[in-house]
Amino acid sequence: MPNNIFKGLGIALITPFTQSGEVDYPALKKLVEYQIDNGADFLCILATTGEAPCLTEEEKNKITELIKDVNRGRVKILKYCGGNNTRAVIDEIKRTDWSGIDGILSICPYYNKPSQEGLYQHFKAIAEVSPLPLVLYNVPGRTGVNMKAETTLRLAHDFPNIVAVKEASGSLEQVDEIIKGKPDNFDVISGDDALTFSMVASGAAGVISVIGNALPKQFSRMIRLEFNGEYEAARKIHHKFTELYNLLFVDGNPAGCKALLSDMGFIENILRLPLVPSTIKTRDRMAEILKELRI
């Protein structure tokens, strides 16, 4: 029975673009090195924050190979493979070269809004063909459907290769219910930076973080302090980020994160349509907070 290996600080990796709109591979390489050197425990690649729906298959393959080459096995890699067509997800899993990848992140089907039984059957079908540990992704704000704790627990108990859920329901009550009833090999991972402090305090194994793209050292330290039971010190770091959590998402994700990384000199502040950059007001306030954090 595999145990969850995705613990601590996971980075929901962005995809940098050049001014002309092409993938900026040198910037991506620099960013991956920065995150690994500053406390990232694993990388979550080609998912929502990475603007995966707007990348071509060729770009995704090239990004994957670059990340593997830069990483050189130093941290675990969790790669996204999901959708709202179960058969298509299964086909993609079967035809993908998973060498150098440690797990698969798969989202609840979006738009078609399946029932709880439909969610169970979707992930059952994926678990039966997955060659790697599977992390479920519950994010009702994007999918239009919440996978209830009872469905998550049913999957966790029925399929040993389903090792975790990235929980972004926003419900701490639901998180507690999952943690209370889960098998030993299964973990809850926070999918919401703002709730990570509370979720880790309740027993979550870590986070797949957006803010970690820009501030991995600080966010990693908060989580490690919590793991050590040093909650007061961790809470101080959490409170420093309170306003930043909101600003990162007010204009959509990853617009806020890209604005922050651009201000830090890592990337150009470029997104692919239909996403657009953060407003000047948001960028200016984030820049002020960044200066305060540096002080």
C-alpha atoms as a PDB file:
ATOM      1  CA  MET A   1       0.000   0.000   0.000  1.00  0.00           C
ATOM      2  CA  PRO A   2       1.734   3.235  -1.143  1.00  0.00           C
ATOM      3  CA  ASN A   3       1.930   6.152   1.253  1.00  0.00           C
ATOM      4  CA  ASN A   4       1.493   9.769   0.194  1.00  0.00           C
ATOM      5  CA  ILE A   5       4.876  11.256  -0.702  1.00  0.00           C
ATOM      6  CA  PHE A   6       3.547  14.749  -1.402  1.00  0.00           C
ATOM      7  CA  LYS A   7       4.021  16.499   1.918  1.00  0.00           C
ATOM      8  CA  GLY A   8       5.119  19.960   3.038  1.00  0.00           C
ATOM      9  CA  LEU A   9       5.384  22.783   0.516  1.00  0.00           C
ATOM     10  CA  GLY A  10       4.255  21.950  -2.991  1.00  0.00           C
ATOM     11  CA  ILE A  11       4.496  24.645  -5.657  1.00  0.00           C
ATOM     12  CA  ALA A  12       1.610  25.134  -8.097  1.00  0.00           C
ATOM     13  CA  LEU A  13       4.106  26.082 -10.770  1.00  0.00           C
ATOM     14  CA  ILE A  14       3.369  29.004 -13.098  1.00  0.00           C
ATOM     15  CA  THR A  15       4.312  29.039 -16.792  1.00  0.00           C
ATOM     16  CA  PRO A  16       6.309  32.170 -17.673  1.00  0.00           C
ATOM     17  CA  PHE A  17       5.862  33.741 -21.107  1.00  0.00           C
ATOM     18  CA  THR A  18       7.998  36.151 -23.121  1.00  0.00           C
ATOM     19  CA  GLN A  19       6.731  39.545 -24.310  1.00  0.00           C
ATOM     20  CA  SER A  20       5.835  37.863 -27.619  1.00  0.00           C
ATOM     21  CA  GLY A  21       3.709  35.279 -25.787  1.00  0.00           C
ATOM     22  CA  GLU A  22       5.961  32.232 -26.140  1.00  0.00           C
ATOM     23  CA  VAL A  23       6.929  30.000 -23.213  1.00  0.00           C
ATOM     24  CA  ASP A  24       9.964  31.532 -21.492  1.00  0.00           C
ATOM     25  CA  TYR A  25      12.037  28.417 -20.843  1.00  0.00           C
ATOM     26  CA  PRO A  26      15.100  30.198 -19.353  1.00  0.00           C
ATOM     27  CA  ALA A  27      12.835  31.992 -16.842  1.00  0.00           C
ATOM     28  CA  LEU A  28      11.140  28.684 -15.983  1.00  0.00           C
ATOM     29  CA  LYS A  29      14.505  27.054 -15.330  1.00  0.00           C
ATOM     30  CA  LYS A  30      15.540  29.910 -13.037  1.00  0.00           C
ATOM     31  CA  LEU A  31      12.231  29.759 -11.188  1.00  0.00           C
ATOM     32  CA  VAL A  32      12.424  25.997 -10.564  1.00  0.00           C
ATOM     33  CA  GLU A  33      15.974  26.331  -9.198  1.00  0.00           C
ATOM     34  CA  TYR A  34      14.855  29.193  -6.940  1.00  0.00           C
ATOM     35  CA  GLN A  35      11.983  27.188  -5.486  1.00  0.00           C
ATOM     36  CA  ILE A  36      13.998  24.024  -4.880  1.00  0.00           C
ATOM     37  CA  ASP A  37      16.804  26.043  -3.267  1.00  0.00           C
ATOM     38  CA  ASN A  38      14.334  27.804  -0.963  1.00  0.00           C
ATOM     39  CA  GLY A  39      12.333  25.007   0.625  1.00  0.00           C
ATOM     40  CA  ALA A  40       9.980  23.485  -1.947  1.00  0.00           C
ATOM     41  CA  ASP A  41       9.271  19.835  -1.150  1.00  0.00           C
ATOM     42  CA  PHE A  42       7.559  19.006  -4.437  1.00  0.00           C
ATOM     43  CA  LEU A  43       6.454  20.639  -7.672  1.00  0.00           C
ATOM     44  CA  CYS A  44       2.924  20.481  -9.065  1.00  0.00           C
ATOM     45  CA  ILE A  45       3.185  21.091 -12.788  1.00  0.00           C
ATOM     46  CA  LEU A  46       0.891  21.918 -15.701  1.00  0.00           C
ATOM     47  CA  ALA A  47      -2.259  22.546 -13.677  1.00  0.00           C
ATOM     48  CA  THR A  48      -4.496  25.610 -13.210  1.00  0.00           C
ATOM     49  CA  THR A  49      -1.781  28.003 -12.042  1.00  0.00           C
ATOM     50  CA  GLY A  50       0.397  26.832 -14.920  1.00  0.00           C
ATOM     51  CA  GLU A  51      -2.258  27.980 -17.435  1.00  0.00           C
ATOM     52  CA  ALA A  52      -2.301  24.440 -18.830  1.00  0.00           C
ATOM     53  CA  PRO A  53      -5.582  24.876 -20.794  1.00  0.00           C
ATOM     54  CA  CYS A  54      -3.787  27.481 -22.924  1.00  0.00           C
ATOM     55  CA  LEU A  55      -0.671  25.396 -23.659  1.00  0.00           C
ATOM     56  CA  THR A  56      -0.157  23.157 -26.670  1.00  0.00           C
ATOM     57  CA  GLU A  57       0.724  19.470 -26.293  1.00  0.00           C
ATOM     58  CA  GLU A  58       4.215  20.243 -27.611  1.00  0.00           C
ATOM     59  CA  GLU A  59       4.706  23.003 -25.037  1.00  0.00           C
ATOM     60  CA  LYS A  60       3.520  20.772 -22.202  1.00  0.00           C
ATOM     61  CA  ASN A  61       5.967  18.048 -23.225  1.00  0.00           C
ATOM     62  CA  LYS A  62       8.864  20.497 -23.490  1.00  0.00           C
ATOM     63  CA  ILE A  63       8.001  22.073 -20.111  1.00  0.00           C
ATOM     64  CA  THR A  64       7.857  18.622 -18.496  1.00  0.00           C
ATOM     65  CA  GLU A  65      11.262  17.630 -19.877  1.00  0.00           C
ATOM     66  CA  LEU A  66      12.855  20.919 -18.805  1.00  0.00           C
ATOM     67  CA  ILE A  67      11.518  20.605 -15.254  1.00  0.00           C
ATOM     68  CA  LYS A  68      12.751  17.019 -14.980  1.00  0.00           C
ATOM     69  CA  ASP A  69      16.190  18.038 -16.278  1.00  0.00           C
ATOM     70  CA  VAL A  70      16.476  20.956 -13.855  1.00  0.00           C
ATOM     71  CA  ASN A  71      15.124  18.989 -10.919  1.00  0.00           C
ATOM     72  CA  ARG A  72      17.426  15.970 -11.325  1.00  0.00           C
ATOM     73  CA  GLY A  73      15.380  14.004  -8.804  1.00  0.00           C
ATOM     74  CA  ARG A  74      15.865  16.500  -5.974  1.00  0.00           C
ATOM     75  CA  VAL A  75      12.146  16.901  -5.203  1.00  0.00           C
ATOM     76  CA  LYS A  76       9.032  14.963  -6.164  1.00  0.00           C
ATOM     77  CA  ILE A  77       7.008  15.994  -9.215  1.00  0.00           C
ATOM     78  CA  LEU A  78       3.210  15.822  -9.303  1.00  0.00           C
ATOM     79  CA  LYS A  79       1.851  16.272 -12.840  1.00  0.00           C
ATOM     80  CA  TYR A  80      -1.711  17.229 -13.711  1.00  0.00           C
ATOM     81  CA  CYS A  81      -3.849  14.964 -15.866  1.00  0.00           C
ATOM     82  CA  GLY A  82      -7.591  15.514 -15.613  1.00  0.00           C
ATOM     83  CA  GLY A  83     -10.747  16.625 -17.320  1.00  0.00           C
ATOM     84  CA  ASN A  84     -14.493  16.165 -17.635  1.00  0.00           C
ATOM     85  CA  ASN A  85     -14.358  13.316 -20.147  1.00  0.00           C
ATOM     86  CA  THR A  86     -13.371  10.194 -18.216  1.00  0.00           C
ATOM     87  CA  ARG A  87     -12.438   8.199 -21.315  1.00  0.00           C
ATOM     88  CA  ALA A  88     -10.207  11.003 -22.610  1.00  0.00           C
ATOM     89  CA  VAL A  89      -8.385  11.246 -19.248  1.00  0.00           C
ATOM     90  CA  ILE A  90      -7.792   7.488 -19.279  1.00  0.00           C
ATOM     91  CA  ASP A  91      -6.484   7.643 -22.852  1.00  0.00           C
ATOM     92  CA  GLU A  92      -4.112  10.471 -21.915  1.00  0.00           C
ATOM     93  CA  ILE A  93      -2.784   8.524 -18.945  1.00  0.00           C
ATOM     94  CA  LYS A  94      -2.154   5.481 -21.132  1.00  0.00           C
ATOM     95  CA  ARG A  95      -0.291   7.363 -23.878  1.00  0.00           C
ATOM     96  CA  THR A  96       1.812   9.597 -21.585  1.00  0.00           C
ATOM     97  CA  ASP A  97       5.431   8.854 -20.724  1.00  0.00           C
ATOM     98  CA  TRP A  98       5.448   9.104 -16.939  1.00  0.00           C
ATOM     99  CA  SER A  99       9.185   8.543 -16.437  1.00  0.00           C
ATOM    100  CA  GLY A 100      10.624  11.023 -13.949  1.00  0.00           C
ATOM    101  CA  ILE A 101       7.149  11.870 -12.606  1.00  0.00           C
ATOM    102  CA  ASP A 102       6.101  10.744  -9.123  1.00  0.00           C
ATOM    103  CA  GLY A 103       2.323  11.196  -9.098  1.00  0.00           C
ATOM    104  CA  ILE A 104      -0.762  12.372 -10.975  1.00  0.00           C
ATOM    105  CA  LEU A 105      -3.070  15.205  -9.893  1.00  0.00           C
ATOM    106  CA  SER A 106      -6.588  14.840 -11.299  1.00  0.00           C
ATOM    107  CA  ILE A 107      -9.434  17.321 -10.925  1.00  0.00           C
ATOM    108  CA  CYS A 108     -13.120  16.674 -10.301  1.00  0.00           C
ATOM    109  CA  PRO A 109     -14.943  16.824 -13.656  1.00  0.00           C
ATOM    110  CA  TYR A 110     -16.032  20.385 -14.398  1.00  0.00           C
ATOM    111  CA  TYR A 111     -18.962  21.889 -16.314  1.00  0.00           C
ATOM    112  CA  ASN A 112     -21.017  18.692 -16.596  1.00  0.00           C
ATOM    113  CA  LYS A 113     -21.534  18.615 -12.774  1.00  0.00           C
ATOM    114  CA  PRO A 114     -21.693  14.868 -12.012  1.00  0.00           C
ATOM    115  CA  SER A 115     -23.388  13.399  -8.938  1.00  0.00           C
ATOM    116  CA  GLN A 116     -21.347  12.022  -6.044  1.00  0.00           C
ATOM    117  CA  GLU A 117     -21.683   8.559  -7.593  1.00  0.00           C
ATOM    118  CA  GLY A 118     -20.474   9.995 -10.898  1.00  0.00           C
ATOM    119  CA  LEU A 119     -17.414  11.466  -9.166  1.00  0.00           C
ATOM    120  CA  TYR A 120     -16.709   8.126  -7.525  1.00  0.00           C
ATOM    121  CA  GLN A 121     -16.971   6.212 -10.798  1.00  0.00           C
ATOM    122  CA  HIS A 122     -14.806   8.792 -12.623  1.00  0.00           C
ATOM    123  CA  PHE A 123     -11.938   8.486 -10.152  1.00  0.00           C
ATOM    124  CA  LYS A 124     -12.418   4.719  -9.842  1.00  0.00           C
ATOM    125  CA  ALA A 125     -11.852   4.382 -13.591  1.00  0.00           C
ATOM    126  CA  ILE A 126      -8.737   6.582 -13.414  1.00  0.00           C
ATOM    127  CA  ALA A 127      -7.314   4.788 -10.357  1.00  0.00           C
ATOM    128  CA  GLU A 128      -7.656   1.433 -12.107  1.00  0.00           C
ATOM    129  CA  VAL A 129      -5.344   2.503 -14.959  1.00  0.00           C
ATOM    130  CA  SER A 130      -2.996   4.946 -13.213  1.00  0.00           C
ATOM    131  CA  PRO A 131       0.637   3.779 -13.124  1.00  0.00           C
ATOM    132  CA  LEU A 132       1.418   6.316 -10.388  1.00  0.00           C
ATOM    133  CA  PRO A 133      -0.019   7.456  -7.042  1.00  0.00           C
ATOM    134  CA  LEU A 134      -3.103   9.592  -7.605  1.00  0.00           C
ATOM    135  CA  VAL A 135      -3.959  12.883  -5.871  1.00  0.00           C
ATOM    136  CA  LEU A 136      -7.578  14.008  -6.226  1.00  0.00           C
ATOM    137  CA  TYR A 137      -8.308  17.699  -6.706  1.00  0.00           C
ATOM    138  CA  ASN A 138     -11.519  19.110  -5.250  1.00  0.00           C
ATOM    139  CA  VAL A 139     -12.070  22.752  -6.197  1.00  0.00           C
ATOM    140  CA  PRO A 140     -15.814  23.478  -6.448  1.00  0.00           C
ATOM    141  CA  GLY A 141     -15.207  27.167  -7.185  1.00  0.00           C
ATOM    142  CA  ARG A 142     -13.814  26.095 -10.561  1.00  0.00           C
ATOM    143  CA  THR A 143     -15.671  22.850 -11.273  1.00  0.00           C
ATOM    144  CA  GLY A 144     -19.180  23.708 -10.100  1.00  0.00           C
ATOM    145  CA  VAL A 145     -19.416  20.579  -7.950  1.00  0.00           C
ATOM    146  CA  ASN A 146     -18.108  19.773  -4.468  1.00  0.00           C
ATOM    147  CA  MET A 147     -16.815  16.278  -3.831  1.00  0.00           C
ATOM    148  CA  LYS A 148     -18.190  15.547  -0.381  1.00  0.00           C
ATOM    149  CA  ALA A 149     -16.086  14.069   2.401  1.00  0.00           C
ATOM    150  CA  GLU A 150     -17.947  10.760   2.210  1.00  0.00           C
ATOM    151  CA  THR A 151     -17.045  10.372  -1.486  1.00  0.00           C
ATOM    152  CA  THR A 152     -13.403  11.279  -0.891  1.00  0.00           C
ATOM    153  CA  LEU A 153     -13.213   8.781   1.977  1.00  0.00           C
ATOM    154  CA  ARG A 154     -14.910   6.074  -0.064  1.00  0.00           C
ATOM    155  CA  LEU A 155     -12.270   6.483  -2.775  1.00  0.00           C
ATOM    156  CA  ALA A 156      -9.434   6.655  -0.239  1.00  0.00           C
ATOM    157  CA  HIS A 157     -10.509   3.376   1.389  1.00  0.00           C
ATOM    158  CA  ASP A 158     -11.301   1.543  -1.858  1.00  0.00           C
ATOM    159  CA  PHE A 159      -8.161   2.415  -3.860  1.00  0.00           C
ATOM    160  CA  PRO A 160      -4.742   2.276  -2.154  1.00  0.00           C
ATOM    161  CA  ASN A 161      -3.101   4.170  -5.037  1.00  0.00           C
ATOM    162  CA  ILE A 162      -5.314   7.208  -4.299  1.00  0.00           C
ATOM    163  CA  VAL A 163      -2.982   8.740  -1.732  1.00  0.00           C
ATOM    164  CA  ALA A 164      -4.267  12.284  -1.138  1.00  0.00           C
ATOM    165  CA  VAL A 165      -6.780  14.974  -1.966  1.00  0.00           C
ATOM    166  CA  LYS A 166      -5.946  18.577  -2.750  1.00  0.00           C
ATOM    167  CA  GLU A 167      -8.820  20.206  -0.879  1.00  0.00           C
ATOM    168  CA  ALA A 168      -9.889  23.651  -2.056  1.00  0.00           C
ATOM    169  CA  SER A 169     -13.538  23.529  -1.014  1.00  0.00           C
ATOM    170  CA  GLY A 170     -12.958  26.289   1.529  1.00  0.00           C
ATOM    171  CA  SER A 171     -14.699  24.202   4.186  1.00  0.00           C
ATOM    172  CA  LEU A 172     -12.608  23.449   7.273  1.00  0.00           C
ATOM    173  CA  GLU A 173     -15.475  21.288   8.497  1.00  0.00           C
ATOM    174  CA  GLN A 174     -15.128  19.111   5.384  1.00  0.00           C
ATOM    175  CA  VAL A 175     -11.358  18.960   5.853  1.00  0.00           C
ATOM    176  CA  ASP A 176     -11.787  17.788   9.456  1.00  0.00           C
ATOM    177  CA  GLU A 177     -14.255  15.122   8.386  1.00  0.00           C
ATOM    178  CA  ILE A 178     -11.813  13.728   5.826  1.00  0.00           C
ATOM    179  CA  ILE A 179      -8.849  13.788   8.227  1.00  0.00           C
ATOM    180  CA  LYS A 180     -10.925  12.089  10.918  1.00  0.00           C
ATOM    181  CA  GLY A 181     -12.027   9.211   8.661  1.00  0.00           C
ATOM    182  CA  LYS A 182      -9.067   8.697   6.336  1.00  0.00           C
ATOM    183  CA  PRO A 183      -6.877   5.573   6.082  1.00  0.00           C
ATOM    184  CA  ASP A 184      -3.248   5.848   7.237  1.00  0.00           C
ATOM    185  CA  ASN A 185      -1.807   6.006   3.711  1.00  0.00           C
ATOM    186  CA  PHE A 186      -4.029   8.936   2.679  1.00  0.00           C
ATOM    187  CA  ASP A 187      -3.506  12.672   3.314  1.00  0.00           C
ATOM    188  CA  VAL A 188      -5.263  15.995   2.874  1.00  0.00           C
ATOM    189  CA  ILE A 189      -3.254  18.692   1.080  1.00  0.00           C
ATOM    190  CA  SER A 190      -4.374  22.318   1.253  1.00  0.00           C
ATOM    191  CA  GLY A 191      -5.377  23.851  -2.067  1.00  0.00           C
ATOM    192  CA  ASP A 192      -5.891  27.294  -0.582  1.00  0.00           C
ATOM    193  CA  ASP A 193      -2.932  29.379   0.636  1.00  0.00           C
ATOM    194  CA  ALA A 194      -5.089  31.421   3.015  1.00  0.00           C
ATOM    195  CA  LEU A 195      -6.392  28.299   4.798  1.00  0.00           C
ATOM    196  CA  THR A 196      -3.093  26.414   4.914  1.00  0.00           C
ATOM    197  CA  PHE A 197      -2.203  27.479   8.464  1.00  0.00           C
ATOM    198  CA  SER A 198      -5.563  26.256   9.779  1.00  0.00           C
ATOM    199  CA  MET A 199      -5.562  23.082   7.681  1.00  0.00           C
ATOM    200  CA  VAL A 200      -2.052  22.025   8.721  1.00  0.00           C
ATOM    201  CA  ALA A 201      -2.997  22.719  12.344  1.00  0.00           C
ATOM    202  CA  SER A 202      -5.925  20.326  11.822  1.00  0.00           C
ATOM    203  CA  GLY A 203      -3.705  17.590  10.398  1.00  0.00           C
ATOM    204  CA  ALA A 204      -3.212  18.356   6.702  1.00  0.00           C
ATOM    205  CA  ALA A 205       0.075  17.127   5.252  1.00  0.00           C
ATOM    206  CA  GLY A 206       0.962  20.347   3.444  1.00  0.00           C
ATOM    207  CA  VAL A 207      -0.110  22.621   0.601  1.00  0.00           C
ATOM    208  CA  ILE A 208       0.016  22.995  -3.160  1.00  0.00           C
ATOM    209  CA  SER A 209       0.735  26.694  -3.077  1.00  0.00           C
ATOM    210  CA  VAL A 210       0.439  29.649  -5.424  1.00  0.00           C
ATOM    211  CA  ILE A 211       2.271  32.113  -3.171  1.00  0.00           C
ATOM    212  CA  GLY A 212       5.102  29.589  -2.914  1.00  0.00           C
ATOM    213  CA  ASN A 213       6.094  30.482  -6.476  1.00  0.00           C
ATOM    214  CA  ALA A 214       7.354  33.828  -5.208  1.00  0.00           C
ATOM    215  CA  LEU A 215       7.956  33.306  -1.472  1.00  0.00           C
ATOM    216  CA  PRO A 216       8.863  29.653  -0.957  1.00  0.00           C
ATOM    217  CA  LYS A 217      11.308  30.194   1.914  1.00  0.00           C
ATOM    218  CA  GLN A 218       8.812  32.061   4.096  1.00  0.00           C
ATOM    219  CA  PHE A 219       5.835  29.818   3.344  1.00  0.00           C
ATOM    220  CA  SER A 220       7.910  26.669   3.786  1.00  0.00           C
ATOM    221  CA  ARG A 221       9.122  27.918   7.163  1.00  0.00           C
ATOM    222  CA  MET A 222       5.521  28.480   8.319  1.00  0.00           C
ATOM    223  CA  ILE A 223       4.600  24.894   7.492  1.00  0.00           C
ATOM    224  CA  ARG A 224       7.719  23.423   9.090  1.00  0.00           C
ATOM    225  CA  LEU A 225       7.124  25.392  12.274  1.00  0.00           C
ATOM    226  CA  GLU A 226       3.609  23.958  12.424  1.00  0.00           C
ATOM    227  CA  PHE A 227       4.891  20.435  11.869  1.00  0.00           C
ATOM    228  CA  ASN A 228       7.178  21.028  14.876  1.00  0.00           C
ATOM    229  CA  GLY A 229       4.276  22.283  17.004  1.00  0.00           C
ATOM    230  CA  GLU A 230       5.583  25.878  17.036  1.00  0.00           C
ATOM    231  CA  TYR A 231       2.212  27.395  16.245  1.00  0.00           C
ATOM    232  CA  GLU A 232       2.797  30.906  17.577  1.00  0.00           C
ATOM    233  CA  ALA A 233       5.845  31.465  15.362  1.00  0.00           C
ATOM    234  CA  ALA A 234       3.996  29.973  12.405  1.00  0.00           C
ATOM    235  CA  ARG A 235       0.954  32.170  13.042  1.00  0.00           C
ATOM    236  CA  LYS A 236       3.120  35.314  12.855  1.00  0.00           C
ATOM    237  CA  ILE A 237       4.270  34.355   9.350  1.00  0.00           C
ATOM    238  CA  HIS A 238       0.686  33.530   8.354  1.00  0.00           C
ATOM    239  CA  HIS A 239      -0.537  36.939   9.492  1.00  0.00           C
ATOM    240  CA  LYS A 240       2.179  38.706   7.479  1.00  0.00           C
ATOM    241  CA  PHE A 241       0.651  37.152   4.372  1.00  0.00           C
ATOM    242  CA  THR A 242      -3.022  37.853   5.140  1.00  0.00           C
ATOM    243  CA  GLU A 243      -3.512  40.772   2.737  1.00  0.00           C
ATOM    244  CA  LEU A 244      -1.283  39.196   0.102  1.00  0.00           C
ATOM    245  CA  TYR A 245      -3.449  36.054   0.018  1.00  0.00           C
ATOM    246  CA  ASN A 246      -6.412  38.134  -1.134  1.00  0.00           C
ATOM    247  CA  LEU A 247      -4.458  40.283  -3.588  1.00  0.00           C
ATOM    248  CA  LEU A 248      -3.016  37.249  -5.336  1.00  0.00           C
ATOM    249  CA  PHE A 249      -6.465  36.095  -6.405  1.00  0.00           C
ATOM    250  CA  VAL A 250      -8.558  39.261  -6.694  1.00  0.00           C
ATOM    251  CA  ASP A 251      -7.824  39.560 -10.434  1.00  0.00           C
ATOM    252  CA  GLY A 252      -7.754  35.811 -11.052  1.00  0.00           C
ATOM    253  CA  ASN A 253      -5.038  33.184 -10.814  1.00  0.00           C
ATOM    254  CA  PRO A 254      -2.164  33.288 -11.752  1.00  0.00           C
ATOM    255  CA  ALA A 255      -2.444  37.013 -12.549  1.00  0.00           C
ATOM    256  CA  GLY A 256      -1.533  38.072  -9.004  1.00  0.00           C
ATOM    257  CA  CYS A 257       1.313  35.631  -8.668  1.00  0.00           C
ATOM    258  CA  LYS A 258       2.769  36.637 -12.030  1.00  0.00           C
ATOM    259  CA  ALA A 259       2.615  40.311 -11.064  1.00  0.00           C
ATOM    260  CA  LEU A 260       4.524  39.506  -7.865  1.00  0.00           C
ATOM    261  CA  LEU A 261       7.149  37.431  -9.701  1.00  0.00           C
ATOM    262  CA  SER A 262       7.526  40.173 -12.306  1.00  0.00           C
ATOM    263  CA  ASP A 263       8.137  42.732  -9.559  1.00  0.00           C
ATOM    264  CA  MET A 264      10.802  40.390  -8.158  1.00  0.00           C
ATOM    265  CA  GLY A 265      12.517  40.232 -11.550  1.00  0.00           C
ATOM    266  CA  PHE A 266      11.859  36.566 -12.322  1.00  0.00           C
ATOM    267  CA  ILE A 267       9.434  36.810 -15.257  1.00  0.00           C
ATOM    268  CA  GLU A 268       7.606  39.091 -17.666  1.00  0.00           C
ATOM    269  CA  ASN A 269       4.087  39.964 -16.507  1.00  0.00           C
ATOM    270  CA  ILE A 270       2.450  38.117 -19.412  1.00  0.00           C
ATOM    271  CA  LEU A 271      -0.554  35.757 -19.421  1.00  0.00           C
ATOM    272  CA  ARG A 272      -2.406  34.023 -22.233  1.00  0.00           C
ATOM    273  CA  LEU A 273      -5.955  34.980 -23.041  1.00  0.00           C
ATOM    274  CA  PRO A 274      -8.567  34.689 -21.696  1.00  0.00           C
ATOM    275  CA  LEU A 275      -6.465  35.618 -18.656  1.00  0.00           C
ATOM    276  CA  VAL A 276      -5.106  39.161 -18.350  1.00  0.00           C
ATOM    277  CA  PRO A 277      -2.630  40.814 -15.931  1.00  0.00           C
ATOM    278  CA  SER A 278      -3.605  42.215 -12.549  1.00  0.00           C
ATOM    279  CA  THR A 279      -4.738  45.820 -12.296  1.00  0.00           C
ATOM    280  CA  ILE A 280      -2.187  48.532 -11.579  1.00  0.00           C
ATOM    281  CA  LYS A 281      -3.819  49.098  -8.180  1.00  0.00           C
ATOM    282  CA  THR A 282      -3.340  45.426  -7.223  1.00  0.00           C
ATOM    283  CA  ARG A 283       0.239  45.369  -8.508  1.00  0.00           C
ATOM    284  CA  ASP A 284       1.190  48.534  -6.618  1.00  0.00           C
ATOM    285  CA  ARG A 285      -0.194  47.238  -3.328  1.00  0.00           C
ATOM    286  CA  MET A 286       1.549  43.875  -3.730  1.00  0.00           C
ATOM    287  CA  ALA A 287       4.818  45.687  -4.438  1.00  0.00           C
ATOM    288  CA  GLU A 288       4.402  47.645  -1.185  1.00  0.00           C
ATOM    289  CA  ILE A 289       3.788  44.441   0.779  1.00  0.00           C
ATOM    290  CA  LEU A 290       6.791  42.780  -0.855  1.00  0.00           C
ATOM    291  CA  LYS A 291       9.016  45.666   0.307  1.00  0.00           C
ATOM    292  CA  GLU A 292       7.650  45.302   3.834  1.00  0.00           C
ATOM    293  CA  LEU A 293       8.358  41.562   3.803  1.00  0.00           C
ATOM    294  CA  ARG A 294      11.924  42.177   2.637  1.00  0.00           C
ATOM    295  CA  ILE A 295      12.438  44.680   5.469  1.00  0.00           C
END
